[in-house]
Amino acid sequence: IRKQYSLAELSMVGITFKDTRREALQFADSEGANWQLGFDSKGTVAKDYGVRAAPQTFLIDKSGVIIRRWYGRPSSDELRLAVEDLVIGT
């Protein structure tokens, strides 16, 4: 999905808060992550977004409004369709 859009159209950020940096980087590498990674070592971002269990996926528009939230991992098709609706619909 990241490769289908320019950075002006779609930015992706992965944030880890329960894993060590090493574990998170290993997981990102195993998943072929091609987006920016952040490390929430104190859990501040997780708390601000109400995350109590991982993984969670948020789709946020350019204004910072949460459009969609998935508990667990969304299917590739579900995520692709939601991103298309957001990017093409704006």
PDB file of N, CA and C in Angstrom:
ATOM      1  N   ILE A   1       0.833  -1.191   0.000  1.00  0.00           N
ATOM      2  CA  ILE A   1       0.000   0.000   0.000  1.00  0.00           C
ATOM      3  C   ILE A   1       0.872   1.247   0.000  1.00  0.00           C
ATOM      4  N   ARG A   2       1.939   1.244   0.785  1.00  0.00           N
ATOM      5  CA  ARG A   2       2.817   2.415   0.878  1.00  0.00           C
ATOM      6  C   ARG A   2       3.378   2.778  -0.496  1.00  0.00           C
ATOM      7  N   LYS A   3       3.700   1.787  -1.310  1.00  0.00           N
ATOM      8  CA  LYS A   3       4.335   2.029  -2.602  1.00  0.00           C
ATOM      9  C   LYS A   3       3.353   2.568  -3.647  1.00  0.00           C
ATOM     10  N   GLN A   4       2.060   2.444  -3.414  1.00  0.00           N
ATOM     11  CA  GLN A   4       1.059   2.858  -4.397  1.00  0.00           C
ATOM     12  C   GLN A   4       0.809   4.367  -4.410  1.00  0.00           C
ATOM     13  N   TYR A   5       1.235   5.062  -3.367  1.00  0.00           N
ATOM     14  CA  TYR A   5       0.934   6.487  -3.236  1.00  0.00           C
ATOM     15  C   TYR A   5       2.205   7.280  -2.960  1.00  0.00           C
ATOM     16  N   SER A   6       2.183   8.544  -3.346  1.00  0.00           N
ATOM     17  CA  SER A   6       3.311   9.417  -3.029  1.00  0.00           C
ATOM     18  C   SER A   6       3.263   9.740  -1.539  1.00  0.00           C
ATOM     19  N   LEU A   7       4.367  10.260  -1.018  1.00  0.00           N
ATOM     20  CA  LEU A   7       4.396  10.638   0.397  1.00  0.00           C
ATOM     21  C   LEU A   7       3.442  11.788   0.689  1.00  0.00           C
ATOM     22  N   ALA A   8       3.145  12.614  -0.305  1.00  0.00           N
ATOM     23  CA  ALA A   8       2.174  13.693  -0.125  1.00  0.00           C
ATOM     24  C   ALA A   8       0.757  13.141   0.036  1.00  0.00           C
ATOM     25  N   GLU A   9       0.512  11.972  -0.555  1.00  0.00           N
ATOM     26  CA  GLU A   9      -0.812  11.359  -0.480  1.00  0.00           C
ATOM     27  C   GLU A   9      -0.986  10.472   0.746  1.00  0.00           C
ATOM     28  N   LEU A  10       0.086   9.767   1.123  1.00  0.00           N
ATOM     29  CA  LEU A  10      -0.018   8.789   2.199  1.00  0.00           C
ATOM     30  C   LEU A  10       1.294   8.678   2.959  1.00  0.00           C
ATOM     31  N   SER A  11       1.222   8.889   4.244  1.00  0.00           N
ATOM     32  CA  SER A  11       2.364   8.655   5.129  1.00  0.00           C
ATOM     33  C   SER A  11       2.002   7.505   6.048  1.00  0.00           C
ATOM     34  N   MET A  12       2.969   6.656   6.316  1.00  0.00           N
ATOM     35  CA  MET A  12       2.753   5.544   7.237  1.00  0.00           C
ATOM     36  C   MET A  12       3.819   5.599   8.318  1.00  0.00           C
ATOM     37  N   VAL A  13       3.373   5.353   9.554  1.00  0.00           N
ATOM     38  CA  VAL A  13       4.282   5.344  10.691  1.00  0.00           C
ATOM     39  C   VAL A  13       3.924   4.146  11.556  1.00  0.00           C
ATOM     40  N   GLY A  14       4.908   3.379  11.907  1.00  0.00           N
ATOM     41  CA  GLY A  14       4.723   2.281  12.854  1.00  0.00           C
ATOM     42  C   GLY A  14       5.295   2.704  14.194  1.00  0.00           C
ATOM     43  N   ILE A  15       4.550   2.466  15.261  1.00  0.00           N
ATOM     44  CA  ILE A  15       5.021   2.844  16.600  1.00  0.00           C
ATOM     45  C   ILE A  15       4.928   1.623  17.499  1.00  0.00           C
ATOM     46  N   THR A  16       6.010   1.325  18.159  1.00  0.00           N
ATOM     47  CA  THR A  16       6.024   0.210  19.105  1.00  0.00           C
ATOM     48  C   THR A  16       6.113   0.768  20.519  1.00  0.00           C
ATOM     49  N   PHE A  17       5.428   0.108  21.447  1.00  0.00           N
ATOM     50  CA  PHE A  17       5.505   0.588  22.830  1.00  0.00           C
ATOM     51  C   PHE A  17       5.708  -0.523  23.851  1.00  0.00           C
ATOM     52  N   LYS A  18       5.583  -1.766  23.453  1.00  0.00           N
ATOM     53  CA  LYS A  18       5.796  -2.852  24.411  1.00  0.00           C
ATOM     54  C   LYS A  18       7.016  -3.693  24.082  1.00  0.00           C
ATOM     55  N   ASP A  19       7.525  -3.557  22.882  1.00  0.00           N
ATOM     56  CA  ASP A  19       8.689  -4.325  22.467  1.00  0.00           C
ATOM     57  C   ASP A  19       9.962  -3.531  22.704  1.00  0.00           C
ATOM     58  N   THR A  20      11.061  -4.244  22.790  1.00  0.00           N
ATOM     59  CA  THR A  20      12.342  -3.550  22.809  1.00  0.00           C
ATOM     60  C   THR A  20      12.605  -3.034  21.400  1.00  0.00           C
ATOM     61  N   ARG A  21      13.510  -2.096  21.293  1.00  0.00           N
ATOM     62  CA  ARG A  21      13.867  -1.553  19.985  1.00  0.00           C
ATOM     63  C   ARG A  21      14.353  -2.679  19.064  1.00  0.00           C
ATOM     64  N   ARG A  22      15.165  -3.564  19.607  1.00  0.00           N
ATOM     65  CA  ARG A  22      15.707  -4.666  18.808  1.00  0.00           C
ATOM     66  C   ARG A  22      14.594  -5.577  18.288  1.00  0.00           C
ATOM     67  N   GLU A  23      13.660  -5.951  19.168  1.00  0.00           N
ATOM     68  CA  GLU A  23      12.541  -6.805  18.759  1.00  0.00           C
ATOM     69  C   GLU A  23      11.692  -6.116  17.684  1.00  0.00           C
ATOM     70  N   ALA A  24      11.447  -4.839  17.879  1.00  0.00           N
ATOM     71  CA  ALA A  24      10.628  -4.092  16.926  1.00  0.00           C
ATOM     72  C   ALA A  24      11.299  -4.010  15.561  1.00  0.00           C
ATOM     73  N   LEU A  25      12.591  -3.761  15.543  1.00  0.00           N
ATOM     74  CA  LEU A  25      13.312  -3.681  14.275  1.00  0.00           C
ATOM     75  C   LEU A  25      13.358  -5.038  13.583  1.00  0.00           C
ATOM     76  N   GLN A  26      13.524  -6.101  14.353  1.00  0.00           N
ATOM     77  CA  GLN A  26      13.520  -7.443  13.772  1.00  0.00           C
ATOM     78  C   GLN A  26      12.159  -7.767  13.167  1.00  0.00           C
ATOM     79  N   PHE A  27      11.090  -7.413  13.868  1.00  0.00           N
ATOM     80  CA  PHE A  27       9.747  -7.659  13.353  1.00  0.00           C
ATOM     81  C   PHE A  27       9.505  -6.836  12.091  1.00  0.00           C
ATOM     82  N   ALA A  28       9.856  -5.564  12.122  1.00  0.00           N
ATOM     83  CA  ALA A  28       9.667  -4.699  10.957  1.00  0.00           C
ATOM     84  C   ALA A  28      10.424  -5.253   9.758  1.00  0.00           C
ATOM     85  N   ASP A  29      11.615  -5.718   9.993  1.00  0.00           N
ATOM     86  CA  ASP A  29      12.417  -6.293   8.904  1.00  0.00           C
ATOM     87  C   ASP A  29      11.758  -7.560   8.362  1.00  0.00           C
ATOM     88  N   SER A  30      11.255  -8.402   9.246  1.00  0.00           N
ATOM     89  CA  SER A  30      10.620  -9.649   8.809  1.00  0.00           C
ATOM     90  C   SER A  30       9.333  -9.379   8.027  1.00  0.00           C
ATOM     91  N   GLU A  31       8.679  -8.255   8.292  1.00  0.00           N
ATOM     92  CA  GLU A  31       7.443  -7.883   7.603  1.00  0.00           C
ATOM     93  C   GLU A  31       7.703  -7.044   6.349  1.00  0.00           C
ATOM     94  N   GLY A  32       8.971  -6.702   6.111  1.00  0.00           N
ATOM     95  CA  GLY A  32       9.295  -5.869   4.948  1.00  0.00           C
ATOM     96  C   GLY A  32       8.806  -4.443   5.098  1.00  0.00           C
ATOM     97  N   ALA A  33       8.782  -3.942   6.305  1.00  0.00           N
ATOM     98  CA  ALA A  33       8.293  -2.583   6.568  1.00  0.00           C
ATOM     99  C   ALA A  33       9.106  -1.562   5.773  1.00  0.00           C
ATOM    100  N   ASN A  34       8.402  -0.745   5.020  1.00  0.00           N
ATOM    101  CA  ASN A  34       9.057   0.306   4.246  1.00  0.00           C
ATOM    102  C   ASN A  34       8.496   1.672   4.631  1.00  0.00           C
ATOM    103  N   TRP A  35       8.266   1.838   5.919  1.00  0.00           N
ATOM    104  CA  TRP A  35       7.742   3.089   6.438  1.00  0.00           C
ATOM    105  C   TRP A  35       8.526   3.483   7.677  1.00  0.00           C
ATOM    106  N   GLN A  36       8.260   4.676   8.143  1.00  0.00           N
ATOM    107  CA  GLN A  36       8.956   5.218   9.308  1.00  0.00           C
ATOM    108  C   GLN A  36       8.548   4.454  10.567  1.00  0.00           C
ATOM    109  N   LEU A  37       9.516   4.192  11.435  1.00  0.00           N
ATOM    110  CA  LEU A  37       9.257   3.499  12.697  1.00  0.00           C
ATOM    111  C   LEU A  37       9.562   4.426  13.863  1.00  0.00           C
ATOM    112  N   GLY A  38       8.698   4.382  14.868  1.00  0.00           N
ATOM    113  CA  GLY A  38       8.904   5.176  16.075  1.00  0.00           C
ATOM    114  C   GLY A  38       8.865   4.267  17.290  1.00  0.00           C
ATOM    115  N   PHE A  39       9.481   4.708  18.354  1.00  0.00           N
ATOM    116  CA  PHE A  39       9.578   3.902  19.565  1.00  0.00           C
ATOM    117  C   PHE A  39       9.011   4.697  20.736  1.00  0.00           C
ATOM    118  N   ASP A  40       7.912   4.210  21.279  1.00  0.00           N
ATOM    119  CA  ASP A  40       7.209   4.862  22.383  1.00  0.00           C
ATOM    120  C   ASP A  40       7.610   4.177  23.685  1.00  0.00           C
ATOM    121  N   SER A  41       8.842   4.390  24.111  1.00  0.00           N
ATOM    122  CA  SER A  41       9.400   3.652  25.244  1.00  0.00           C
ATOM    123  C   SER A  41       8.672   3.914  26.557  1.00  0.00           C
ATOM    124  N   LYS A  42       8.044   5.067  26.706  1.00  0.00           N
ATOM    125  CA  LYS A  42       7.323   5.383  27.945  1.00  0.00           C
ATOM    126  C   LYS A  42       5.818   5.129  27.824  1.00  0.00           C
ATOM    127  N   GLY A  43       5.357   4.757  26.628  1.00  0.00           N
ATOM    128  CA  GLY A  43       3.942   4.484  26.437  1.00  0.00           C
ATOM    129  C   GLY A  43       3.073   5.723  26.322  1.00  0.00           C
ATOM    130  N   THR A  44       3.674   6.875  26.118  1.00  0.00           N
ATOM    131  CA  THR A  44       2.934   8.136  26.050  1.00  0.00           C
ATOM    132  C   THR A  44       1.981   8.182  24.859  1.00  0.00           C
ATOM    133  N   VAL A  45       2.472   7.810  23.690  1.00  0.00           N
ATOM    134  CA  VAL A  45       1.632   7.826  22.488  1.00  0.00           C
ATOM    135  C   VAL A  45       0.514   6.805  22.638  1.00  0.00           C
ATOM    136  N   ALA A  46       0.842   5.617  23.125  1.00  0.00           N
ATOM    137  CA  ALA A  46      -0.168   4.581  23.332  1.00  0.00           C
ATOM    138  C   ALA A  46      -1.265   5.085  24.267  1.00  0.00           C
ATOM    139  N   LYS A  47      -0.886   5.723  25.332  1.00  0.00           N
ATOM    140  CA  LYS A  47      -1.870   6.257  26.281  1.00  0.00           C
ATOM    141  C   LYS A  47      -2.731   7.327  25.615  1.00  0.00           C
ATOM    142  N   ASP A  48      -2.112   8.227  24.881  1.00  0.00           N
ATOM    143  CA  ASP A  48      -2.855   9.308  24.217  1.00  0.00           C
ATOM    144  C   ASP A  48      -3.880   8.774  23.220  1.00  0.00           C
ATOM    145  N   TYR A  49      -3.585   7.648  22.590  1.00  0.00           N
ATOM    146  CA  TYR A  49      -4.491   7.053  21.607  1.00  0.00           C
ATOM    147  C   TYR A  49      -5.370   5.956  22.202  1.00  0.00           C
ATOM    148  N   GLY A  50      -5.260   5.718  23.487  1.00  0.00           N
ATOM    149  CA  GLY A  50      -6.097   4.712  24.135  1.00  0.00           C
ATOM    150  C   GLY A  50      -5.730   3.282  23.808  1.00  0.00           C
ATOM    151  N   VAL A  51      -4.472   3.041  23.490  1.00  0.00           N
ATOM    152  CA  VAL A  51      -4.012   1.695  23.140  1.00  0.00           C
ATOM    153  C   VAL A  51      -3.646   0.951  24.419  1.00  0.00           C
ATOM    154  N   ARG A  52      -4.306  -0.178  24.603  1.00  0.00           N
ATOM    155  CA  ARG A  52      -3.997  -1.021  25.756  1.00  0.00           C
ATOM    156  C   ARG A  52      -3.394  -2.347  25.336  1.00  0.00           C
ATOM    157  N   ALA A  53      -3.666  -2.742  24.101  1.00  0.00           N
ATOM    158  CA  ALA A  53      -3.126  -3.995  23.567  1.00  0.00           C
ATOM    159  C   ALA A  53      -2.697  -3.761  22.128  1.00  0.00           C
ATOM    160  N   ALA A  54      -1.669  -4.450  21.738  1.00  0.00           N
ATOM    161  CA  ALA A  54      -1.150  -4.308  20.376  1.00  0.00           C
ATOM    162  C   ALA A  54      -1.402  -5.609  19.635  1.00  0.00           C
ATOM    163  N   PRO A  55      -1.547  -5.575  18.345  1.00  0.00           N
ATOM    164  CA  PRO A  55      -1.420  -4.397  17.498  1.00  0.00           C
ATOM    165  C   PRO A  55      -2.758  -3.672  17.329  1.00  0.00           C
ATOM    166  N   GLN A  56      -2.667  -2.412  17.031  1.00  0.00           N
ATOM    167  CA  GLN A  56      -3.802  -1.609  16.618  1.00  0.00           C
ATOM    168  C   GLN A  56      -3.355  -0.788  15.422  1.00  0.00           C
ATOM    169  N   THR A  57      -4.267  -0.552  14.527  1.00  0.00           N
ATOM    170  CA  THR A  57      -3.971   0.224  13.327  1.00  0.00           C
ATOM    171  C   THR A  57      -4.944   1.381  13.262  1.00  0.00           C
ATOM    172  N   PHE A  58      -4.405   2.563  13.009  1.00  0.00           N
ATOM    173  CA  PHE A  58      -5.216   3.763  12.892  1.00  0.00           C
ATOM    174  C   PHE A  58      -5.073   4.330  11.491  1.00  0.00           C
ATOM    175  N   LEU A  59      -6.167   4.788  10.932  1.00  0.00           N
ATOM    176  CA  LEU A  59      -6.158   5.527   9.679  1.00  0.00           C
ATOM    177  C   LEU A  59      -6.546   6.955  10.054  1.00  0.00           C
ATOM    178  N   ILE A  60      -5.619   7.873   9.834  1.00  0.00           N
ATOM    179  CA  ILE A  60      -5.784   9.255  10.282  1.00  0.00           C
ATOM    180  C   ILE A  60      -5.701  10.173   9.075  1.00  0.00           C
ATOM    181  N   ASP A  61      -6.641  11.113   8.971  1.00  0.00           N
ATOM    182  CA  ASP A  61      -6.620  12.014   7.818  1.00  0.00           C
ATOM    183  C   ASP A  61      -5.611  13.141   8.014  1.00  0.00           C
ATOM    184  N   LYS A  62      -5.474  13.995   7.003  1.00  0.00           N
ATOM    185  CA  LYS A  62      -4.478  15.070   7.038  1.00  0.00           C
ATOM    186  C   LYS A  62      -4.718  16.067   8.166  1.00  0.00           C
ATOM    187  N   SER A  63      -5.950  16.132   8.656  1.00  0.00           N
ATOM    188  CA  SER A  63      -6.282  17.053   9.745  1.00  0.00           C
ATOM    189  C   SER A  63      -6.001  16.450  11.115  1.00  0.00           C
ATOM    190  N   GLY A  64      -5.610  15.171  11.136  1.00  0.00           N
ATOM    191  CA  GLY A  64      -5.327  14.501  12.397  1.00  0.00           C
ATOM    192  C   GLY A  64      -6.528  13.793  13.002  1.00  0.00           C
ATOM    193  N   VAL A  65      -7.608  13.676  12.239  1.00  0.00           N
ATOM    194  CA  VAL A  65      -8.814  13.009  12.714  1.00  0.00           C
ATOM    195  C   VAL A  65      -8.696  11.505  12.447  1.00  0.00           C
ATOM    196  N   ILE A  66      -8.982  10.712  13.467  1.00  0.00           N
ATOM    197  CA  ILE A  66      -8.962   9.263  13.308  1.00  0.00           C
ATOM    198  C   ILE A  66     -10.196   8.863  12.505  1.00  0.00           C
ATOM    199  N   ILE A  67      -9.955   8.313  11.329  1.00  0.00           N
ATOM    200  CA  ILE A  67     -11.021   7.891  10.428  1.00  0.00           C
ATOM    201  C   ILE A  67     -11.444   6.457  10.725  1.00  0.00           C
ATOM    202  N   ARG A  68     -10.479   5.639  11.064  1.00  0.00           N
ATOM    203  CA  ARG A  68     -10.749   4.214  11.286  1.00  0.00           C
ATOM    204  C   ARG A  68      -9.736   3.666  12.277  1.00  0.00           C
ATOM    205  N   ARG A  69     -10.178   2.705  13.065  1.00  0.00           N
ATOM    206  CA  ARG A  69      -9.306   2.049  14.036  1.00  0.00           C
ATOM    207  C   ARG A  69      -9.588   0.561  13.982  1.00  0.00           C
ATOM    208  N   TRP A  70      -8.525  -0.209  13.882  1.00  0.00           N
ATOM    209  CA  TRP A  70      -8.650  -1.662  13.893  1.00  0.00           C
ATOM    210  C   TRP A  70      -7.969  -2.208  15.141  1.00  0.00           C
ATOM    211  N   TYR A  71      -8.651  -3.086  15.856  1.00  0.00           N
ATOM    212  CA  TYR A  71      -8.050  -3.814  16.972  1.00  0.00           C
ATOM    213  C   TYR A  71      -7.538  -5.119  16.381  1.00  0.00           C
ATOM    214  N   GLY A  72      -6.272  -5.366  16.537  1.00  0.00           N
ATOM    215  CA  GLY A  72      -5.667  -6.489  15.850  1.00  0.00           C
ATOM    216  C   GLY A  72      -5.171  -6.002  14.495  1.00  0.00           C
ATOM    217  N   ARG A  73      -4.913  -6.937  13.647  1.00  0.00           N
ATOM    218  CA  ARG A  73      -4.323  -6.620  12.342  1.00  0.00           C
ATOM    219  C   ARG A  73      -5.402  -6.672  11.263  1.00  0.00           C
ATOM    220  N   PRO A  74      -5.638  -5.563  10.538  1.00  0.00           N
ATOM    221  CA  PRO A  74      -6.652  -5.603   9.474  1.00  0.00           C
ATOM    222  C   PRO A  74      -6.161  -6.464   8.312  1.00  0.00           C
ATOM    223  N   SER A  75      -7.106  -6.997   7.565  1.00  0.00           N
ATOM    224  CA  SER A  75      -6.711  -7.751   6.372  1.00  0.00           C
ATOM    225  C   SER A  75      -6.128  -6.771   5.357  1.00  0.00           C
ATOM    226  N   SER A  76      -5.311  -7.268   4.463  1.00  0.00           N
ATOM    227  CA  SER A  76      -4.707  -6.415   3.433  1.00  0.00           C
ATOM    228  C   SER A  76      -5.780  -5.731   2.590  1.00  0.00           C
ATOM    229  N   ASP A  77      -6.820  -6.484   2.220  1.00  0.00           N
ATOM    230  CA  ASP A  77      -7.894  -5.911   1.405  1.00  0.00           C
ATOM    231  C   ASP A  77      -8.661  -4.830   2.155  1.00  0.00           C
ATOM    232  N   GLU A  78      -8.950  -5.087   3.417  1.00  0.00           N
ATOM    233  CA  GLU A  78      -9.684  -4.117   4.229  1.00  0.00           C
ATOM    234  C   GLU A  78      -8.890  -2.821   4.376  1.00  0.00           C
ATOM    235  N   LEU A  79      -7.604  -2.944   4.651  1.00  0.00           N
ATOM    236  CA  LEU A  79      -6.757  -1.767   4.794  1.00  0.00           C
ATOM    237  C   LEU A  79      -6.615  -1.036   3.461  1.00  0.00           C
ATOM    238  N   ARG A  80      -6.407  -1.774   2.391  1.00  0.00           N
ATOM    239  CA  ARG A  80      -6.263  -1.164   1.065  1.00  0.00           C
ATOM    240  C   ARG A  80      -7.509  -0.366   0.684  1.00  0.00           C
ATOM    241  N   LEU A  81      -8.687  -0.938   0.888  1.00  0.00           N
ATOM    242  CA  LEU A  81      -9.934  -0.252   0.548  1.00  0.00           C
ATOM    243  C   LEU A  81     -10.135   1.002   1.399  1.00  0.00           C
ATOM    244  N   ALA A  82      -9.828   0.938   2.683  1.00  0.00           N
ATOM    245  CA  ALA A  82      -9.979   2.098   3.551  1.00  0.00           C
ATOM    246  C   ALA A  82      -9.025   3.214   3.150  1.00  0.00           C
ATOM    247  N   VAL A  83      -7.782   2.856   2.804  1.00  0.00           N
ATOM    248  CA  VAL A  83      -6.799   3.840   2.365  1.00  0.00           C
ATOM    249  C   VAL A  83      -7.246   4.459   1.040  1.00  0.00           C
ATOM    250  N   GLU A  84      -7.700   3.635   0.123  1.00  0.00           N
ATOM    251  CA  GLU A  84      -8.190   4.155  -1.166  1.00  0.00           C
ATOM    252  C   GLU A  84      -9.323   5.145  -0.953  1.00  0.00           C
ATOM    253  N   ASP A  85     -10.276   4.801  -0.096  1.00  0.00           N
ATOM    254  CA  ASP A  85     -11.389   5.703   0.199  1.00  0.00           C
ATOM    255  C   ASP A  85     -10.897   7.038   0.747  1.00  0.00           C
ATOM    256  N   LEU A  86      -9.909   6.987   1.619  1.00  0.00           N
ATOM    257  CA  LEU A  86      -9.381   8.219   2.212  1.00  0.00           C
ATOM    258  C   LEU A  86      -8.606   9.036   1.191  1.00  0.00           C
ATOM    259  N   VAL A  87      -7.679   8.399   0.474  1.00  0.00           N
ATOM    260  CA  VAL A  87      -6.809   9.133  -0.449  1.00  0.00           C
ATOM    261  C   VAL A  87      -7.578   9.635  -1.662  1.00  0.00           C
ATOM    262  N   ILE A  88      -8.375   8.783  -2.255  1.00  0.00           N
ATOM    263  CA  ILE A  88      -9.105   9.165  -3.458  1.00  0.00           C
ATOM    264  C   ILE A  88     -10.294  10.067  -3.126  1.00  0.00           C
ATOM    265  N   GLY A  89     -10.865   9.864  -1.954  1.00  0.00           N
ATOM    266  CA  GLY A  89     -12.024  10.651  -1.552  1.00  0.00           C
ATOM    267  C   GLY A  89     -11.703  12.068  -1.118  1.00  0.00           C
ATOM    268  N   THR A  90     -10.410  12.402  -0.964  1.00  0.00           N
ATOM    269  CA  THR A  90     -10.049  13.749  -0.518  1.00  0.00           C
ATOM    270  C   THR A  90      -9.622  14.620  -1.665  1.00  0.00           C
TER     271      THR A  90
END
